[in-house]
């Protein structure tokens, strides 16, 4: 496996860990429930560890743009399905623009390190 492929794979796992951590944060009741708080901290720690390793290969700005963009969209989707959070039209349009931005970075930017 190439370094760039490994880095993007690691970034994907980091994003998934961040989403799981965020979902459990929603269940932690302001960090007053021990198990969801513990799960939140563990998954965030793993996510940041992986992100720290990703930026050895992918430039920080690109990695963070992908991390935050994909994380925002997927966390909103998880919130919609698991917690009943509403997503109105402006939210959906905004998330579509975020996805478009991440795609543009990955397809067209020479900074993305393909």
N, C-alpha and C. Protein backbone atom coordinates (compact mmCIF):
# COMPACT_ATOMS: atom_id res chain seq x y z
N UNK A 1 0.84 -1.18 0.00
CA UNK A 1 0.00 0.00 0.00
C UNK A 1 0.88 1.24 0.00
N UNK A 2 0.51 2.22 -0.80
CA UNK A 2 1.30 3.45 -0.86
C UNK A 2 1.04 4.30 0.38
N UNK A 3 1.99 5.18 0.67
CA UNK A 3 1.86 6.06 1.83
C UNK A 3 0.62 6.94 1.73
N UNK A 4 0.34 7.46 0.55
CA UNK A 4 -0.80 8.36 0.39
C UNK A 4 -2.11 7.61 0.62
N UNK A 5 -2.19 6.39 0.10
CA UNK A 5 -3.39 5.57 0.31
C UNK A 5 -3.56 5.27 1.79
N UNK A 6 -2.48 4.91 2.46
CA UNK A 6 -2.54 4.63 3.90
C UNK A 6 -2.98 5.87 4.67
N UNK A 7 -2.47 7.03 4.26
CA UNK A 7 -2.83 8.27 4.95
C UNK A 7 -4.32 8.57 4.79
N UNK A 8 -4.84 8.39 3.57
CA UNK A 8 -6.27 8.65 3.36
C UNK A 8 -7.12 7.62 4.09
N UNK A 9 -6.67 6.38 4.14
CA UNK A 9 -7.38 5.35 4.90
C UNK A 9 -7.39 5.70 6.39
N UNK A 10 -6.24 6.12 6.89
CA UNK A 10 -6.13 6.54 8.29
C UNK A 10 -7.02 7.75 8.57
N UNK A 11 -7.09 8.68 7.62
CA UNK A 11 -7.96 9.84 7.77
C UNK A 11 -9.42 9.41 7.84
N UNK A 12 -9.81 8.45 7.00
CA UNK A 12 -11.17 7.93 7.05
C UNK A 12 -11.50 7.30 8.39
N UNK A 13 -10.58 6.53 8.93
CA UNK A 13 -10.79 5.91 10.25
C UNK A 13 -10.85 6.99 11.33
N UNK A 14 -10.01 8.01 11.22
CA UNK A 14 -10.03 9.12 12.18
C UNK A 14 -11.38 9.83 12.16
N UNK A 15 -11.92 10.04 10.98
CA UNK A 15 -13.23 10.70 10.85
C UNK A 15 -14.32 9.83 11.48
N UNK A 16 -14.27 8.54 11.23
CA UNK A 16 -15.26 7.63 11.83
C UNK A 16 -15.15 7.66 13.36
N UNK A 17 -13.93 7.66 13.87
CA UNK A 17 -13.74 7.74 15.33
C UNK A 17 -14.29 9.05 15.89
N UNK A 18 -14.07 10.13 15.17
CA UNK A 18 -14.59 11.42 15.62
C UNK A 18 -16.11 11.42 15.64
N UNK A 19 -16.73 10.81 14.65
CA UNK A 19 -18.19 10.74 14.59
C UNK A 19 -18.74 9.90 15.74
N UNK A 20 -18.09 8.77 16.00
CA UNK A 20 -18.52 7.92 17.13
C UNK A 20 -18.35 8.69 18.43
N UNK A 21 -17.22 9.36 18.60
CA UNK A 21 -17.00 10.16 19.80
C UNK A 21 -18.05 11.25 19.96
N UNK A 22 -18.41 11.90 18.86
CA UNK A 22 -19.43 12.95 18.91
C UNK A 22 -20.80 12.38 19.27
N UNK A 23 -21.13 11.21 18.71
CA UNK A 23 -22.41 10.59 19.01
C UNK A 23 -22.50 10.23 20.51
N UNK A 24 -21.42 9.70 21.05
CA UNK A 24 -21.43 9.37 22.47
C UNK A 24 -21.40 10.62 23.34
N UNK A 25 -20.80 11.70 22.84
CA UNK A 25 -20.83 12.95 23.59
C UNK A 25 -22.27 13.41 23.76
N UNK A 26 -23.07 13.22 22.70
CA UNK A 26 -24.48 13.56 22.79
C UNK A 26 -25.22 12.74 23.82
N UNK A 27 -24.74 11.54 24.07
CA UNK A 27 -25.35 10.64 25.06
C UNK A 27 -24.76 10.81 26.46
N UNK A 28 -23.70 11.60 26.60
CA UNK A 28 -23.00 11.70 27.88
C UNK A 28 -23.69 12.63 28.88
N UNK A 29 -24.70 13.36 28.42
CA UNK A 29 -25.43 14.29 29.30
C UNK A 29 -24.48 15.26 29.98
N UNK A 30 -23.71 15.96 29.13
CA UNK A 30 -22.77 16.95 29.67
C UNK A 30 -21.63 16.32 30.45
N UNK A 31 -21.21 15.14 30.01
CA UNK A 31 -20.15 14.36 30.67
C UNK A 31 -20.52 13.93 32.08
N UNK A 32 -21.81 13.80 32.35
CA UNK A 32 -22.23 13.34 33.67
C UNK A 32 -22.47 11.83 33.73
N UNK A 33 -22.52 11.18 32.56
CA UNK A 33 -22.67 9.72 32.50
C UNK A 33 -21.32 9.11 32.16
N UNK A 34 -20.86 8.21 33.02
CA UNK A 34 -19.49 7.71 32.93
C UNK A 34 -19.19 6.96 31.63
N UNK A 35 -19.99 5.99 31.24
CA UNK A 35 -19.66 5.18 30.07
C UNK A 35 -19.64 5.99 28.78
N UNK A 36 -20.68 6.79 28.49
CA UNK A 36 -20.60 7.60 27.26
C UNK A 36 -19.44 8.60 27.28
N UNK A 37 -19.12 9.12 28.46
CA UNK A 37 -17.99 10.05 28.58
C UNK A 37 -16.69 9.33 28.25
N UNK A 38 -16.51 8.14 28.80
CA UNK A 38 -15.32 7.34 28.55
C UNK A 38 -15.18 7.01 27.06
N UNK A 39 -16.28 6.57 26.44
CA UNK A 39 -16.26 6.23 25.02
C UNK A 39 -15.92 7.47 24.19
N UNK A 40 -16.49 8.62 24.55
CA UNK A 40 -16.19 9.87 23.86
C UNK A 40 -14.70 10.16 23.91
N UNK A 41 -14.13 10.11 25.09
CA UNK A 41 -12.71 10.44 25.26
C UNK A 41 -11.80 9.46 24.50
N UNK A 42 -12.13 8.18 24.55
CA UNK A 42 -11.31 7.18 23.86
C UNK A 42 -11.36 7.40 22.35
N UNK A 43 -12.56 7.58 21.80
CA UNK A 43 -12.67 7.73 20.35
C UNK A 43 -12.07 9.05 19.87
N UNK A 44 -12.20 10.12 20.66
CA UNK A 44 -11.55 11.37 20.28
C UNK A 44 -10.03 11.25 20.35
N UNK A 45 -9.53 10.55 21.36
CA UNK A 45 -8.08 10.35 21.47
C UNK A 45 -7.55 9.58 20.26
N UNK A 46 -8.24 8.52 19.87
CA UNK A 46 -7.82 7.74 18.70
C UNK A 46 -7.90 8.61 17.45
N UNK A 47 -8.98 9.37 17.31
CA UNK A 47 -9.15 10.23 16.14
C UNK A 47 -8.01 11.23 16.01
N UNK A 48 -7.65 11.88 17.11
CA UNK A 48 -6.58 12.88 17.05
C UNK A 48 -5.21 12.22 16.86
N UNK A 49 -5.01 11.05 17.43
CA UNK A 49 -3.77 10.31 17.19
C UNK A 49 -3.62 10.01 15.70
N UNK A 50 -4.69 9.50 15.10
CA UNK A 50 -4.64 9.19 13.68
C UNK A 50 -4.44 10.44 12.83
N UNK A 51 -5.16 11.51 13.17
CA UNK A 51 -5.00 12.76 12.41
C UNK A 51 -3.56 13.27 12.51
N UNK A 52 -2.96 13.16 13.68
CA UNK A 52 -1.58 13.60 13.86
C UNK A 52 -0.63 12.81 12.95
N UNK A 53 -0.95 11.54 12.73
CA UNK A 53 -0.13 10.73 11.83
C UNK A 53 -0.44 11.01 10.37
N UNK A 54 -1.67 11.33 10.06
CA UNK A 54 -2.08 11.66 8.69
C UNK A 54 -1.31 12.87 8.18
N UNK A 55 -1.14 13.87 9.04
CA UNK A 55 -0.50 15.11 8.58
C UNK A 55 1.01 14.96 8.35
N UNK A 56 1.54 13.78 8.59
CA UNK A 56 2.91 13.50 8.18
C UNK A 56 2.97 13.33 6.66
N UNK A 57 1.84 12.96 6.05
CA UNK A 57 1.79 12.69 4.61
C UNK A 57 0.93 13.70 3.85
N UNK A 58 -0.23 14.01 4.40
CA UNK A 58 -1.16 14.94 3.76
C UNK A 58 -0.98 16.30 4.43
N UNK A 59 -0.86 17.39 3.67
CA UNK A 59 -0.71 18.71 4.28
C UNK A 59 -1.84 19.01 5.28
N UNK A 60 -1.47 19.67 6.37
CA UNK A 60 -2.41 19.95 7.46
C UNK A 60 -3.70 20.59 6.97
N UNK A 61 -3.62 21.62 6.15
CA UNK A 61 -4.82 22.32 5.69
C UNK A 61 -5.75 21.42 4.90
N UNK A 62 -5.19 20.58 4.07
CA UNK A 62 -5.99 19.66 3.26
C UNK A 62 -6.60 18.59 4.15
N UNK A 63 -5.78 17.98 5.02
CA UNK A 63 -6.29 16.94 5.91
C UNK A 63 -7.39 17.49 6.81
N UNK A 64 -7.19 18.68 7.34
CA UNK A 64 -8.18 19.26 8.24
C UNK A 64 -9.45 19.66 7.50
N UNK A 65 -9.31 20.14 6.27
CA UNK A 65 -10.51 20.48 5.47
C UNK A 65 -11.35 19.23 5.23
N UNK A 66 -10.69 18.13 4.90
CA UNK A 66 -11.41 16.88 4.67
C UNK A 66 -12.01 16.38 5.97
N UNK A 67 -11.20 16.37 7.03
CA UNK A 67 -11.63 15.92 8.36
C UNK A 67 -12.87 16.69 8.82
N UNK A 68 -12.79 17.99 8.76
CA UNK A 68 -13.90 18.79 9.27
C UNK A 68 -15.11 18.73 8.35
N UNK A 69 -14.90 18.79 7.04
CA UNK A 69 -16.02 18.77 6.11
C UNK A 69 -16.79 17.47 6.15
N UNK A 70 -16.07 16.37 6.02
CA UNK A 70 -16.73 15.06 6.05
C UNK A 70 -17.31 14.80 7.44
N UNK A 71 -16.57 15.20 8.47
CA UNK A 71 -17.05 15.02 9.84
C UNK A 71 -18.35 15.78 10.11
N UNK A 72 -18.44 17.02 9.62
CA UNK A 72 -19.66 17.81 9.80
C UNK A 72 -20.85 17.13 9.16
N UNK A 73 -20.67 16.72 7.92
CA UNK A 73 -21.78 16.12 7.17
C UNK A 73 -22.22 14.79 7.80
N UNK A 74 -21.26 13.92 8.08
CA UNK A 74 -21.62 12.62 8.63
C UNK A 74 -22.17 12.72 10.05
N UNK A 75 -21.64 13.65 10.84
CA UNK A 75 -22.17 13.84 12.19
C UNK A 75 -23.61 14.37 12.13
N UNK A 76 -23.89 15.25 11.19
CA UNK A 76 -25.26 15.74 11.02
C UNK A 76 -26.20 14.61 10.60
N UNK A 77 -25.72 13.73 9.74
CA UNK A 77 -26.54 12.59 9.31
C UNK A 77 -26.78 11.64 10.48
N UNK A 78 -25.75 11.36 11.27
CA UNK A 78 -25.91 10.52 12.46
C UNK A 78 -26.90 11.18 13.42
N UNK A 79 -26.77 12.48 13.62
CA UNK A 79 -27.70 13.21 14.50
C UNK A 79 -29.13 13.11 14.01
N UNK A 80 -29.31 13.15 12.71
CA UNK A 80 -30.65 13.05 12.13
C UNK A 80 -31.26 11.67 12.41
N UNK A 81 -30.48 10.62 12.15
CA UNK A 81 -31.02 9.27 12.29
C UNK A 81 -31.06 8.76 13.73
N UNK A 82 -30.06 9.10 14.54
CA UNK A 82 -30.01 8.57 15.90
C UNK A 82 -30.68 9.45 16.95
N UNK A 83 -30.65 10.77 16.73
CA UNK A 83 -31.14 11.69 17.75
C UNK A 83 -32.35 12.51 17.31
N UNK A 84 -32.79 12.30 16.07
CA UNK A 84 -33.95 13.02 15.57
C UNK A 84 -33.70 14.50 15.33
N UNK A 85 -32.42 14.89 15.13
CA UNK A 85 -32.13 16.29 14.83
C UNK A 85 -32.70 16.65 13.47
N UNK A 86 -33.29 17.84 13.37
CA UNK A 86 -33.86 18.30 12.10
C UNK A 86 -32.77 18.82 11.19
N UNK A 87 -32.96 18.58 9.90
CA UNK A 87 -32.10 19.16 8.87
C UNK A 87 -33.01 19.86 7.87
N UNK A 88 -33.03 21.19 7.93
CA UNK A 88 -33.86 21.92 6.98
C UNK A 88 -33.10 22.12 5.66
N UNK A 89 -33.78 22.72 4.70
CA UNK A 89 -33.19 22.89 3.37
C UNK A 89 -31.86 23.65 3.40
N UNK A 90 -31.75 24.78 4.12
CA UNK A 90 -30.45 25.46 4.14
C UNK A 90 -29.33 24.57 4.72
N UNK A 91 -29.65 23.74 5.70
CA UNK A 91 -28.63 22.84 6.26
C UNK A 91 -28.20 21.82 5.22
N UNK A 92 -29.15 21.25 4.50
CA UNK A 92 -28.83 20.26 3.48
C UNK A 92 -28.03 20.89 2.34
N UNK A 93 -28.42 22.08 1.92
CA UNK A 93 -27.68 22.78 0.85
C UNK A 93 -26.26 23.10 1.33
N UNK A 94 -26.13 23.58 2.55
CA UNK A 94 -24.81 23.87 3.10
C UNK A 94 -23.93 22.64 3.16
N UNK A 95 -24.50 21.52 3.57
CA UNK A 95 -23.72 20.28 3.63
C UNK A 95 -23.35 19.79 2.24
N UNK A 96 -24.23 19.99 1.27
CA UNK A 96 -23.91 19.62 -0.11
C UNK A 96 -22.73 20.46 -0.61
N UNK A 97 -22.70 21.74 -0.24
CA UNK A 97 -21.58 22.59 -0.63
C UNK A 97 -20.29 22.15 0.04
N UNK A 98 -20.38 21.69 1.29
CA UNK A 98 -19.20 21.17 1.98
C UNK A 98 -18.66 19.95 1.24
N UNK A 99 -19.55 19.04 0.88
CA UNK A 99 -19.14 17.84 0.14
C UNK A 99 -18.51 18.23 -1.19
N UNK A 100 -19.12 19.19 -1.88
CA UNK A 100 -18.57 19.67 -3.15
C UNK A 100 -17.17 20.24 -2.94
N UNK A 101 -16.98 20.99 -1.88
CA UNK A 101 -15.67 21.55 -1.58
C UNK A 101 -14.62 20.47 -1.33
N UNK A 102 -14.98 19.45 -0.57
CA UNK A 102 -14.05 18.35 -0.31
C UNK A 102 -13.71 17.63 -1.61
N UNK A 103 -14.72 17.41 -2.47
CA UNK A 103 -14.47 16.76 -3.76
C UNK A 103 -13.55 17.60 -4.64
N UNK A 104 -13.78 18.90 -4.68
CA UNK A 104 -12.93 19.78 -5.49
C UNK A 104 -11.49 19.72 -5.01
N UNK A 105 -11.29 19.75 -3.70
CA UNK A 105 -9.94 19.67 -3.15
C UNK A 105 -9.27 18.37 -3.59
N UNK A 106 -10.00 17.27 -3.45
CA UNK A 106 -9.40 15.96 -3.73
C UNK A 106 -9.19 15.69 -5.21
N UNK A 107 -10.05 16.22 -6.05
CA UNK A 107 -9.94 15.94 -7.48
C UNK A 107 -9.01 16.93 -8.18
N UNK A 108 -9.08 18.21 -7.83
CA UNK A 108 -8.39 19.22 -8.61
C UNK A 108 -7.16 19.86 -7.93
N UNK A 109 -7.07 19.80 -6.61
CA UNK A 109 -5.98 20.50 -5.94
C UNK A 109 -4.67 19.72 -6.02
N UNK A 110 -3.62 20.41 -6.40
CA UNK A 110 -2.30 19.79 -6.38
C UNK A 110 -1.76 19.74 -4.94
N UNK A 111 -2.39 20.48 -4.04
CA UNK A 111 -1.99 20.48 -2.64
C UNK A 111 -2.42 19.22 -1.91
N UNK A 112 -3.38 18.49 -2.48
CA UNK A 112 -3.95 17.33 -1.79
C UNK A 112 -2.99 16.15 -1.73
N UNK A 113 -1.92 16.17 -2.48
CA UNK A 113 -0.92 15.13 -2.40
C UNK A 113 -1.32 13.80 -3.01
N UNK A 114 -1.99 13.85 -4.15
CA UNK A 114 -2.41 12.60 -4.83
C UNK A 114 -1.21 11.80 -5.23
